[in-house]
């Protein structure tokens, strides 16, 4: 009644199922491994302060990012790299808040 079981097939099956699960999640886009080139630095953005009566100039060409207000947080979507999104934060990693206009 006390027969020993070989644990190696069980361990290999468990490891294989983990790898297959991670691979399937990555393939279908539910898992993304971030690369350094995917990140946009906060230093790439500058706030232009508007003063009444003072002119300021901006480029006519639009940026590669589009901002949306989602649940009160400013979220940037990249138009060049599909799937690249991010939350705009300050130097203390606090999310930049926004006010959604009622429709």
PDB file of N, CA and C in Angstrom:
ATOM      1  N   UNK A   1       0.784  -1.184   0.000  1.00  0.00           N
ATOM      2  CA  UNK A   1       0.000   0.000   0.000  1.00  0.00           C
ATOM      3  C   UNK A   1       0.834   1.259   0.000  1.00  0.00           C
ATOM      4  N   UNK A   2       2.017   1.166   0.484  1.00  0.00           N
ATOM      5  CA  UNK A   2       2.846   2.369   0.529  1.00  0.00           C
ATOM      6  C   UNK A   2       3.808   2.374  -0.653  1.00  0.00           C
ATOM      7  N   UNK A   3       3.279   2.713  -1.790  1.00  0.00           N
ATOM      8  CA  UNK A   3       4.156   2.800  -2.951  1.00  0.00           C
ATOM      9  C   UNK A   3       4.587   4.243  -3.150  1.00  0.00           C
ATOM     10  N   UNK A   4       5.813   4.395  -3.584  1.00  0.00           N
ATOM     11  CA  UNK A   4       6.362   5.746  -3.794  1.00  0.00           C
ATOM     12  C   UNK A   4       5.965   6.244  -5.172  1.00  0.00           C
ATOM     13  N   UNK A   5       5.626   7.530  -5.238  1.00  0.00           N
ATOM     14  CA  UNK A   5       5.274   8.153  -6.507  1.00  0.00           C
ATOM     15  C   UNK A   5       6.458   8.959  -7.003  1.00  0.00           C
ATOM     16  N   UNK A   6       6.605   8.996  -8.278  1.00  0.00           N
ATOM     17  CA  UNK A   6       7.656   9.793  -8.888  1.00  0.00           C
ATOM     18  C   UNK A   6       7.135  11.229  -9.033  1.00  0.00           C
ATOM     19  N   UNK A   7       7.776  12.176  -8.352  1.00  0.00           N
ATOM     20  CA  UNK A   7       7.304  13.562  -8.328  1.00  0.00           C
ATOM     21  C   UNK A   7       7.775  14.359  -9.538  1.00  0.00           C
ATOM     22  N   UNK A   8       8.730  13.846 -10.274  1.00  0.00           N
ATOM     23  CA  UNK A   8       9.281  14.610 -11.408  1.00  0.00           C
ATOM     24  C   UNK A   8       8.212  14.917 -12.462  1.00  0.00           C
ATOM     25  N   UNK A   9       7.371  13.982 -12.887  1.00  0.00           N
ATOM     26  CA  UNK A   9       6.330  14.340 -13.865  1.00  0.00           C
ATOM     27  C   UNK A   9       5.349  15.392 -13.344  1.00  0.00           C
ATOM     28  N   UNK A  10       5.028  15.336 -12.064  1.00  0.00           N
ATOM     29  CA  UNK A  10       4.131  16.350 -11.498  1.00  0.00           C
ATOM     30  C   UNK A  10       4.771  17.728 -11.522  1.00  0.00           C
ATOM     31  N   UNK A  11       6.037  17.819 -11.178  1.00  0.00           N
ATOM     32  CA  UNK A  11       6.745  19.101 -11.187  1.00  0.00           C
ATOM     33  C   UNK A  11       6.857  19.641 -12.608  1.00  0.00           C
ATOM     34  N   UNK A  12       7.206  18.767 -13.560  1.00  0.00           N
ATOM     35  CA  UNK A  12       7.322  19.204 -14.960  1.00  0.00           C
ATOM     36  C   UNK A  12       5.969  19.651 -15.517  1.00  0.00           C
ATOM     37  N   UNK A  13       4.899  18.966 -15.151  1.00  0.00           N
ATOM     38  CA  UNK A  13       3.565  19.361 -15.595  1.00  0.00           C
ATOM     39  C   UNK A  13       3.189  20.719 -15.031  1.00  0.00           C
ATOM     40  N   UNK A  14       3.500  20.955 -13.763  1.00  0.00           N
ATOM     41  CA  UNK A  14       3.210  22.257 -13.148  1.00  0.00           C
ATOM     42  C   UNK A  14       3.978  23.380 -13.808  1.00  0.00           C
ATOM     43  N   UNK A  15       5.270  23.172 -14.046  1.00  0.00           N
ATOM     44  CA  UNK A  15       6.087  24.202 -14.707  1.00  0.00           C
ATOM     45  C   UNK A  15       5.612  24.457 -16.132  1.00  0.00           C
ATOM     46  N   UNK A  16       5.279  23.395 -16.852  1.00  0.00           N
ATOM     47  CA  UNK A  16       4.799  23.561 -18.229  1.00  0.00           C
ATOM     48  C   UNK A  16       3.483  24.328 -18.253  1.00  0.00           C
ATOM     49  N   UNK A  17       2.588  24.052 -17.312  1.00  0.00           N
ATOM     50  CA  UNK A  17       1.313  24.768 -17.303  1.00  0.00           C
ATOM     51  C   UNK A  17       1.507  26.248 -16.980  1.00  0.00           C
ATOM     52  N   UNK A  18       2.478  26.571 -16.126  1.00  0.00           N
ATOM     53  CA  UNK A  18       2.774  27.977 -15.830  1.00  0.00           C
ATOM     54  C   UNK A  18       3.296  28.677 -17.078  1.00  0.00           C
ATOM     55  N   UNK A  19       4.232  28.045 -17.791  1.00  0.00           N
ATOM     56  CA  UNK A  19       4.792  28.654 -18.999  1.00  0.00           C
ATOM     57  C   UNK A  19       3.735  28.814 -20.090  1.00  0.00           C
ATOM     58  N   UNK A  20       2.876  27.832 -20.244  1.00  0.00           N
ATOM     59  CA  UNK A  20       1.824  27.925 -21.263  1.00  0.00           C
ATOM     60  C   UNK A  20       0.831  29.031 -20.899  1.00  0.00           C
ATOM     61  N   UNK A  21       0.486  29.143 -19.631  1.00  0.00           N
ATOM     62  CA  UNK A  21      -0.441  30.191 -19.200  1.00  0.00           C
ATOM     63  C   UNK A  21       0.140  31.578 -19.435  1.00  0.00           C
ATOM     64  N   UNK A  22       1.400  31.789 -19.033  1.00  0.00           N
ATOM     65  CA  UNK A  22       2.054  33.093 -19.250  1.00  0.00           C
ATOM     66  C   UNK A  22       2.165  33.390 -20.739  1.00  0.00           C
ATOM     67  N   UNK A  23       2.514  32.383 -21.538  1.00  0.00           N
ATOM     68  CA  UNK A  23       2.615  32.571 -22.987  1.00  0.00           C
ATOM     69  C   UNK A  23       1.289  32.941 -23.616  1.00  0.00           C
ATOM     70  N   UNK A  24       0.213  32.294 -23.185  1.00  0.00           N
ATOM     71  CA  UNK A  24      -1.112  32.611 -23.731  1.00  0.00           C
ATOM     72  C   UNK A  24      -1.549  34.014 -23.326  1.00  0.00           C
ATOM     73  N   UNK A  25      -1.313  34.402 -22.076  1.00  0.00           N
ATOM     74  CA  UNK A  25      -1.656  35.759 -21.638  1.00  0.00           C
ATOM     75  C   UNK A  25      -0.871  36.810 -22.413  1.00  0.00           C
ATOM     76  N   UNK A  26       0.405  36.550 -22.671  1.00  0.00           N
ATOM     77  CA  UNK A  26       1.219  37.494 -23.437  1.00  0.00           C
ATOM     78  C   UNK A  26       0.749  37.563 -24.884  1.00  0.00           C
ATOM     79  N   UNK A  27       0.447  36.422 -25.477  1.00  0.00           N
ATOM     80  CA  UNK A  27       0.035  36.368 -26.879  1.00  0.00           C
ATOM     81  C   UNK A  27      -1.262  37.143 -27.108  1.00  0.00           C
ATOM     82  N   UNK A  28      -2.210  37.025 -26.197  1.00  0.00           N
ATOM     83  CA  UNK A  28      -3.495  37.697 -26.366  1.00  0.00           C
ATOM     84  C   UNK A  28      -3.506  39.116 -25.809  1.00  0.00           C
ATOM     85  N   UNK A  29      -2.381  39.609 -25.321  1.00  0.00           N
ATOM     86  CA  UNK A  29      -2.271  41.005 -24.923  1.00  0.00           C
ATOM     87  C   UNK A  29      -2.663  41.312 -23.503  1.00  0.00           C
ATOM     88  N   UNK A  30      -2.907  40.314 -22.688  1.00  0.00           N
ATOM     89  CA  UNK A  30      -3.254  40.555 -21.292  1.00  0.00           C
ATOM     90  C   UNK A  30      -2.031  40.738 -20.418  1.00  0.00           C
ATOM     91  N   UNK A  31      -0.865  40.430 -20.947  1.00  0.00           N
ATOM     92  CA  UNK A  31       0.383  40.554 -20.200  1.00  0.00           C
ATOM     93  C   UNK A  31       1.391  41.270 -21.091  1.00  0.00           C
ATOM     94  N   UNK A  32       1.992  42.315 -20.565  1.00  0.00           N
ATOM     95  CA  UNK A  32       2.954  43.096 -21.347  1.00  0.00           C
ATOM     96  C   UNK A  32       4.232  43.250 -20.545  1.00  0.00           C
ATOM     97  N   UNK A  33       5.347  42.887 -21.160  1.00  0.00           N
ATOM     98  CA  UNK A  33       6.643  43.078 -20.529  1.00  0.00           C
ATOM     99  C   UNK A  33       7.180  44.421 -20.995  1.00  0.00           C
ATOM    100  N   UNK A  34       7.251  45.384 -20.092  1.00  0.00           N
ATOM    101  CA  UNK A  34       7.664  46.739 -20.446  1.00  0.00           C
ATOM    102  C   UNK A  34       9.150  46.783 -20.759  1.00  0.00           C
ATOM    103  N   UNK A  35       9.483  47.539 -21.801  1.00  0.00           N
ATOM    104  CA  UNK A  35      10.875  47.768 -22.178  1.00  0.00           C
ATOM    105  C   UNK A  35      11.211  49.237 -21.908  1.00  0.00           C
ATOM    106  N   UNK A  36      12.467  49.553 -21.695  1.00  0.00           N
ATOM    107  CA  UNK A  36      12.816  50.963 -21.422  1.00  0.00           C
ATOM    108  C   UNK A  36      12.379  51.911 -22.530  1.00  0.00           C
ATOM    109  N   UNK A  37      12.381  51.463 -23.772  1.00  0.00           N
ATOM    110  CA  UNK A  37      11.987  52.367 -24.860  1.00  0.00           C
ATOM    111  C   UNK A  37      10.485  52.612 -24.884  1.00  0.00           C
ATOM    112  N   UNK A  38       9.696  51.823 -24.139  1.00  0.00           N
ATOM    113  CA  UNK A  38       8.256  52.042 -24.057  1.00  0.00           C
ATOM    114  C   UNK A  38       7.904  53.210 -23.141  1.00  0.00           C
ATOM    115  N   UNK A  39       8.801  53.573 -22.259  1.00  0.00           N
ATOM    116  CA  UNK A  39       8.502  54.593 -21.258  1.00  0.00           C
ATOM    117  C   UNK A  39       8.729  55.996 -21.815  1.00  0.00           C
ATOM    118  N   UNK A  40       7.878  56.898 -21.406  1.00  0.00           N
ATOM    119  CA  UNK A  40       8.047  58.311 -21.721  1.00  0.00           C
ATOM    120  C   UNK A  40       8.405  59.014 -20.424  1.00  0.00           C
ATOM    121  N   UNK A  41       9.412  59.825 -20.454  1.00  0.00           N
ATOM    122  CA  UNK A  41       9.826  60.528 -19.253  1.00  0.00           C
ATOM    123  C   UNK A  41       8.935  61.734 -19.002  1.00  0.00           C
ATOM    124  N   UNK A  42       8.692  61.999 -17.745  1.00  0.00           N
ATOM    125  CA  UNK A  42       7.922  63.174 -17.373  1.00  0.00           C
ATOM    126  C   UNK A  42       8.633  64.438 -17.825  1.00  0.00           C
ATOM    127  N   UNK A  43       9.958  64.387 -17.948  1.00  0.00           N
ATOM    128  CA  UNK A  43      10.726  65.549 -18.387  1.00  0.00           C
ATOM    129  C   UNK A  43      10.403  65.920 -19.823  1.00  0.00           C
ATOM    130  N   UNK A  44       9.798  65.008 -20.586  1.00  0.00           N
ATOM    131  CA  UNK A  44       9.451  65.295 -21.969  1.00  0.00           C
ATOM    132  C   UNK A  44       8.263  66.239 -22.085  1.00  0.00           C
ATOM    133  N   UNK A  45       7.598  66.524 -20.982  1.00  0.00           N
ATOM    134  CA  UNK A  45       6.426  67.385 -20.995  1.00  0.00           C
ATOM    135  C   UNK A  45       6.694  68.646 -20.198  1.00  0.00           C
ATOM    136  N   UNK A  46       6.152  69.749 -20.689  1.00  0.00           N
ATOM    137  CA  UNK A  46       6.303  71.039 -20.015  1.00  0.00           C
ATOM    138  C   UNK A  46       4.934  71.694 -19.945  1.00  0.00           C
ATOM    139  N   UNK A  47       4.642  72.277 -18.819  1.00  0.00           N
ATOM    140  CA  UNK A  47       3.380  72.990 -18.684  1.00  0.00           C
ATOM    141  C   UNK A  47       3.599  74.452 -19.076  1.00  0.00           C
ATOM    142  N   UNK A  48       2.804  74.917 -19.988  1.00  0.00           N
ATOM    143  CA  UNK A  48       2.842  76.322 -20.376  1.00  0.00           C
ATOM    144  C   UNK A  48       1.826  77.070 -19.528  1.00  0.00           C
ATOM    145  N   UNK A  49       2.310  77.959 -18.716  1.00  0.00           N
ATOM    146  CA  UNK A  49       1.414  78.736 -17.856  1.00  0.00           C
ATOM    147  C   UNK A  49       0.800  79.850 -18.684  1.00  0.00           C
ATOM    148  N   UNK A  50      -0.500  79.930 -18.628  1.00  0.00           N
ATOM    149  CA  UNK A  50      -1.197  80.970 -19.376  1.00  0.00           C
ATOM    150  C   UNK A  50      -1.465  82.152 -18.459  1.00  0.00           C
ATOM    151  N   UNK A  51      -1.082  83.318 -18.938  1.00  0.00           N
ATOM    152  CA  UNK A  51      -1.284  84.565 -18.210  1.00  0.00           C
ATOM    153  C   UNK A  51      -2.207  85.430 -19.062  1.00  0.00           C
ATOM    154  N   UNK A  52      -3.270  85.946 -18.473  1.00  0.00           N
ATOM    155  CA  UNK A  52      -4.186  86.775 -19.262  1.00  0.00           C
ATOM    156  C   UNK A  52      -3.458  87.950 -19.921  1.00  0.00           C
ATOM    157  N   UNK A  53      -3.706  88.121 -21.213  1.00  0.00           N
ATOM    158  CA  UNK A  53      -3.109  89.219 -21.960  1.00  0.00           C
ATOM    159  C   UNK A  53      -1.739  88.906 -22.536  1.00  0.00           C
ATOM    160  N   UNK A  54      -1.180  87.741 -22.237  1.00  0.00           N
ATOM    161  CA  UNK A  54       0.138  87.367 -22.734  1.00  0.00           C
ATOM    162  C   UNK A  54      -0.024  86.280 -23.794  1.00  0.00           C
ATOM    163  N   UNK A  55       0.728  86.415 -24.892  1.00  0.00           N
ATOM    164  CA  UNK A  55       0.663  85.422 -25.967  1.00  0.00           C
ATOM    165  C   UNK A  55       1.670  84.305 -25.713  1.00  0.00           C
ATOM    166  N   UNK A  56       1.334  83.131 -26.173  1.00  0.00           N
ATOM    167  CA  UNK A  56       2.266  82.014 -26.137  1.00  0.00           C
ATOM    168  C   UNK A  56       2.123  81.257 -27.449  1.00  0.00           C
ATOM    169  N   UNK A  57       3.188  80.586 -27.859  1.00  0.00           N
ATOM    170  CA  UNK A  57       3.200  79.895 -29.142  1.00  0.00           C
ATOM    171  C   UNK A  57       3.372  78.397 -28.921  1.00  0.00           C
ATOM    172  N   UNK A  58       2.604  77.635 -29.681  1.00  0.00           N
ATOM    173  CA  UNK A  58       2.734  76.182 -29.685  1.00  0.00           C
ATOM    174  C   UNK A  58       2.811  75.721 -31.134  1.00  0.00           C
ATOM    175  N   UNK A  59       3.359  74.550 -31.340  1.00  0.00           N
ATOM    176  CA  UNK A  59       3.486  73.988 -32.674  1.00  0.00           C
ATOM    177  C   UNK A  59       2.124  73.594 -33.219  1.00  0.00           C
ATOM    178  N   UNK A  60       1.952  73.714 -34.517  1.00  0.00           N
ATOM    179  CA  UNK A  60       0.707  73.294 -35.146  1.00  0.00           C
ATOM    180  C   UNK A  60       0.631  71.780 -35.283  1.00  0.00           C
ATOM    181  N   UNK A  61       1.802  71.115 -35.306  1.00  0.00           N
ATOM    182  CA  UNK A  61       1.827  69.656 -35.415  1.00  0.00           C
ATOM    183  C   UNK A  61       1.421  69.045 -34.069  1.00  0.00           C
ATOM    184  N   UNK A  62       0.483  68.108 -34.082  1.00  0.00           N
ATOM    185  CA  UNK A  62       0.048  67.515 -32.817  1.00  0.00           C
ATOM    186  C   UNK A  62       1.090  66.550 -32.252  1.00  0.00           C
ATOM    187  N   UNK A  63       1.038  66.339 -30.956  1.00  0.00           N
ATOM    188  CA  UNK A  63       1.922  65.379 -30.292  1.00  0.00           C
ATOM    189  C   UNK A  63       1.490  63.968 -30.657  1.00  0.00           C
ATOM    190  N   UNK A  64       2.368  62.995 -30.390  1.00  0.00           N
ATOM    191  CA  UNK A  64       2.063  61.594 -30.681  1.00  0.00           C
ATOM    192  C   UNK A  64       1.201  60.959 -29.594  1.00  0.00           C
ATOM    193  N   UNK A  65       0.874  61.719 -28.565  1.00  0.00           N
ATOM    194  CA  UNK A  65       0.058  61.204 -27.480  1.00  0.00           C
ATOM    195  C   UNK A  65      -1.281  61.934 -27.442  1.00  0.00           C
ATOM    196  N   UNK A  66      -2.294  61.219 -27.009  1.00  0.00           N
ATOM    197  CA  UNK A  66      -3.627  61.776 -26.833  1.00  0.00           C
ATOM    198  C   UNK A  66      -4.005  61.552 -25.381  1.00  0.00           C
ATOM    199  N   UNK A  67      -4.528  62.589 -24.723  1.00  0.00           N
ATOM    200  CA  UNK A  67      -4.897  62.483 -23.310  1.00  0.00           C
ATOM    201  C   UNK A  67      -6.411  62.335 -23.175  1.00  0.00           C
ATOM    202  N   UNK A  68      -6.799  61.480 -22.243  1.00  0.00           N
ATOM    203  CA  UNK A  68      -8.212  61.301 -21.913  1.00  0.00           C
ATOM    204  C   UNK A  68      -8.354  61.356 -20.401  1.00  0.00           C
ATOM    205  N   UNK A  69      -9.481  61.873 -19.961  1.00  0.00           N
ATOM    206  CA  UNK A  69      -9.783  61.905 -18.533  1.00  0.00           C
ATOM    207  C   UNK A  69     -10.596  60.651 -18.217  1.00  0.00           C
ATOM    208  N   UNK A  70      -9.987  59.732 -17.476  1.00  0.00           N
ATOM    209  CA  UNK A  70     -10.639  58.473 -17.128  1.00  0.00           C
ATOM    210  C   UNK A  70     -10.708  58.382 -15.613  1.00  0.00           C
ATOM    211  N   UNK A  71     -11.920  58.406 -15.092  1.00  0.00           N
ATOM    212  CA  UNK A  71     -12.171  58.328 -13.653  1.00  0.00           C
ATOM    213  C   UNK A  71     -11.374  59.368 -12.877  1.00  0.00           C
ATOM    214  N   UNK A  72     -11.264  60.573 -13.448  1.00  0.00           N
ATOM    215  CA  UNK A  72     -10.607  61.678 -12.767  1.00  0.00           C
ATOM    216  C   UNK A  72      -9.097  61.681 -12.846  1.00  0.00           C
ATOM    217  N   UNK A  73      -8.507  60.809 -13.655  1.00  0.00           N
ATOM    218  CA  UNK A  73      -7.046  60.740 -13.813  1.00  0.00           C
ATOM    219  C   UNK A  73      -6.715  60.955 -15.281  1.00  0.00           C
ATOM    220  N   UNK A  74      -5.672  61.742 -15.555  1.00  0.00           N
ATOM    221  CA  UNK A  74      -5.258  62.021 -16.925  1.00  0.00           C
ATOM    222  C   UNK A  74      -4.431  60.853 -17.457  1.00  0.00           C
ATOM    223  N   UNK A  75      -4.951  60.179 -18.475  1.00  0.00           N
ATOM    224  CA  UNK A  75      -4.303  59.008 -19.061  1.00  0.00           C
ATOM    225  C   UNK A  75      -3.853  59.368 -20.469  1.00  0.00           C
ATOM    226  N   UNK A  76      -2.593  59.055 -20.796  1.00  0.00           N
ATOM    227  CA  UNK A  76      -2.050  59.316 -22.121  1.00  0.00           C
ATOM    228  C   UNK A  76      -2.048  58.036 -22.949  1.00  0.00           C
ATOM    229  N   UNK A  77      -2.505  58.155 -24.188  1.00  0.00           N
ATOM    230  CA  UNK A  77      -2.475  57.049 -25.136  1.00  0.00           C
ATOM    231  C   UNK A  77      -1.532  57.437 -26.259  1.00  0.00           C
ATOM    232  N   UNK A  78      -0.613  56.558 -26.626  1.00  0.00           N
ATOM    233  CA  UNK A  78       0.337  56.819 -27.704  1.00  0.00           C
ATOM    234  C   UNK A  78      -0.290  56.402 -29.029  1.00  0.00           C
ATOM    235  N   UNK A  79      -0.247  57.283 -30.017  1.00  0.00           N
ATOM    236  CA  UNK A  79      -0.836  56.972 -31.318  1.00  0.00           C
ATOM    237  C   UNK A  79       0.128  56.231 -32.223  1.00  0.00           C
ATOM    238  N   UNK A  80       1.419  56.257 -31.924  1.00  0.00           N
ATOM    239  CA  UNK A  80       2.411  55.575 -32.747  1.00  0.00           C
ATOM    240  C   UNK A  80       2.603  54.121 -32.330  1.00  0.00           C
ATOM    241  N   UNK A  81       2.675  53.877 -31.032  1.00  0.00           N
ATOM    242  CA  UNK A  81       2.858  52.521 -30.504  1.00  0.00           C
ATOM    243  C   UNK A  81       1.550  52.070 -29.897  1.00  0.00           C
ATOM    244  N   UNK A  82       0.803  51.277 -30.621  1.00  0.00           N
ATOM    245  CA  UNK A  82      -0.509  50.822 -30.150  1.00  0.00           C
ATOM    246  C   UNK A  82      -0.352  50.024 -28.863  1.00  0.00           C
ATOM    247  N   UNK A  83      -1.236  50.271 -27.936  1.00  0.00           N
ATOM    248  CA  UNK A  83      -1.202  49.557 -26.666  1.00  0.00           C
ATOM    249  C   UNK A  83      -0.379  50.237 -25.602  1.00  0.00           C
ATOM    250  N   UNK A  84       0.363  51.292 -25.958  1.00  0.00           N
ATOM    251  CA  UNK A  84       1.178  51.995 -24.971  1.00  0.00           C
ATOM    252  C   UNK A  84       0.325  53.081 -24.328  1.00  0.00           C
ATOM    253  N   UNK A  85       0.033  52.905 -23.070  1.00  0.00           N
ATOM    254  CA  UNK A  85      -0.738  53.883 -22.318  1.00  0.00           C
ATOM    255  C   UNK A  85      -0.023  54.167 -21.015  1.00  0.00           C
ATOM    256  N   UNK A  86      -0.338  55.287 -20.427  1.00  0.00           N
ATOM    257  CA  UNK A  86       0.279  55.619 -19.157  1.00  0.00           C
ATOM    258  C   UNK A  86      -0.484  56.721 -18.454  1.00  0.00           C
ATOM    259  N   UNK A  87      -0.268  56.800 -17.181  1.00  0.00           N
ATOM    260  CA  UNK A  87      -0.877  57.835 -16.355  1.00  0.00           C
ATOM    261  C   UNK A  87       0.150  58.941 -16.173  1.00  0.00           C
ATOM    262  N   UNK A  88      -0.260  60.179 -16.382  1.00  0.00           N
ATOM    263  CA  UNK A  88       0.646  61.312 -16.211  1.00  0.00           C
ATOM    264  C   UNK A  88       0.809  61.582 -14.717  1.00  0.00           C
ATOM    265  N   UNK A  89       2.061  61.569 -14.233  1.00  0.00           N
ATOM    266  CA  UNK A  89       2.349  61.775 -12.813  1.00  0.00           C
ATOM    267  C   UNK A  89       3.357  62.907 -12.668  1.00  0.00           C
ATOM    268  N   UNK A  90       3.433  63.468 -11.446  1.00  0.00           N
ATOM    269  CA  UNK A  90       4.438  64.493 -11.175  1.00  0.00           C
ATOM    270  C   UNK A  90       5.707  63.822 -10.644  1.00  0.00           C
ATOM    271  N   UNK A  91       6.655  64.636 -10.186  1.00  0.00           N
ATOM    272  CA  UNK A  91       7.936  64.080  -9.745  1.00  0.00           C
ATOM    273  C   UNK A  91       7.825  63.254  -8.468  1.00  0.00           C
ATOM    274  N   UNK A  92       6.693  63.327  -7.780  1.00  0.00           N
ATOM    275  CA  UNK A  92       6.466  62.515  -6.574  1.00  0.00           C
ATOM    276  C   UNK A  92       5.587  61.309  -6.855  1.00  0.00           C
ATOM    277  N   UNK A  93       5.392  61.001  -8.142  1.00  0.00           N
ATOM    278  CA  UNK A  93       4.574  59.872  -8.594  1.00  0.00           C
ATOM    279  C   UNK A  93       3.098  60.027  -8.221  1.00  0.00           C
ATOM    280  N   UNK A  94       2.619  61.277  -8.106  1.00  0.00           N
ATOM    281  CA  UNK A  94       1.207  61.544  -7.859  1.00  0.00           C
ATOM    282  C   UNK A  94       0.523  61.740  -9.201  1.00  0.00           C
ATOM    283  N   UNK A  95      -0.608  61.106  -9.381  1.00  0.00           N
ATOM    284  CA  UNK A  95      -1.329  61.190 -10.646  1.00  0.00           C
ATOM    285  C   UNK A  95      -1.874  62.597 -10.857  1.00  0.00           C
ATOM    286  N   UNK A  96      -1.778  63.066 -12.094  1.00  0.00           N
ATOM    287  CA  UNK A  96      -2.368  64.357 -12.465  1.00  0.00           C
ATOM    288  C   UNK A  96      -3.861  64.148 -12.621  1.00  0.00           C
ATOM    289  N   UNK A  97      -4.638  64.902 -11.865  1.00  0.00           N
ATOM    290  CA  UNK A  97      -6.092  64.769 -11.870  1.00  0.00           C
ATOM    291  C   UNK A  97      -6.694  65.640 -12.964  1.00  0.00           C
ATOM    292  N   UNK A  98      -7.894  65.285 -13.362  1.00  0.00           N
ATOM    293  CA  UNK A  98      -8.617  66.065 -14.364  1.00  0.00           C
ATOM    294  C   UNK A  98     -10.097  66.058 -14.012  1.00  0.00           C
ATOM    295  N   UNK A  99     -10.831  66.965 -14.607  1.00  0.00           N
ATOM    296  CA  UNK A  99     -12.254  67.073 -14.366  1.00  0.00           C
ATOM    297  C   UNK A  99     -12.960  66.695 -15.652  1.00  0.00           C
ATOM    298  N   UNK A 100     -13.832  65.707 -15.558  1.00  0.00           N
ATOM    299  CA  UNK A 100     -14.585  65.301 -16.727  1.00  0.00           C
ATOM    300  C   UNK A 100     -15.750  66.239 -16.933  1.00  0.00           C
ATOM    301  N   UNK A 101     -15.893  66.719 -18.159  1.00  0.00           N
ATOM    302  CA  UNK A 101     -17.016  67.580 -18.492  1.00  0.00           C
ATOM    303  C   UNK A 101     -18.277  66.725 -18.639  1.00  0.00           C
ATOM    304  N   UNK A 102     -19.390  67.169 -18.075  1.00  0.00           N
ATOM    305  CA  UNK A 102     -20.628  66.398 -18.258  1.00  0.00           C
ATOM    306  C   UNK A 102     -21.060  66.462 -19.710  1.00  0.00           C
ATOM    307  N   UNK A 103     -21.583  65.374 -20.193  1.00  0.00           N
ATOM    308  CA  UNK A 103     -22.009  65.317 -21.598  1.00  0.00           C
ATOM    309  C   UNK A 103     -23.307  66.005 -21.814  1.00  0.00           C
TER     310      UNK A 103
END
